[in-house]
Amino acid sequence: MNSQQPTLKQSVATVEPIPPRLDSSTSKLVYLYLWTSESATIDELHAVLGLEKLTLYPVLNTLIAADLVTQSEDSYRCQKRLPNETRA
């Protein structure tokens, strides 16, 4: 019988905490999805999150205005910052 116990490798979460200025659950959901994916189109967000496009557009515009998300052509992505940078 082996007296050594197996070691578990722990993974470190790479998702930054959700900015406290996001007050709606929908904006938090969209932000978190974009943070964990490389980028997403409005169609992908609609399919994955189950949110109507008429709901997504204003949420994305709010995230863009808050400098949390950028838009390039038809895709959206989070503004990822270095760990030592702060967010307002």
Foldseek 3Di string as FASTA:
>chain_A
DDPDDDDDDDDDDPADDDDPVDDDPVLSVVLRVQRPDVKAFLVRCCVPVVDDSVVVVVSVVVCVVQQQWDDDDGIIHGPDDDPVDDGD
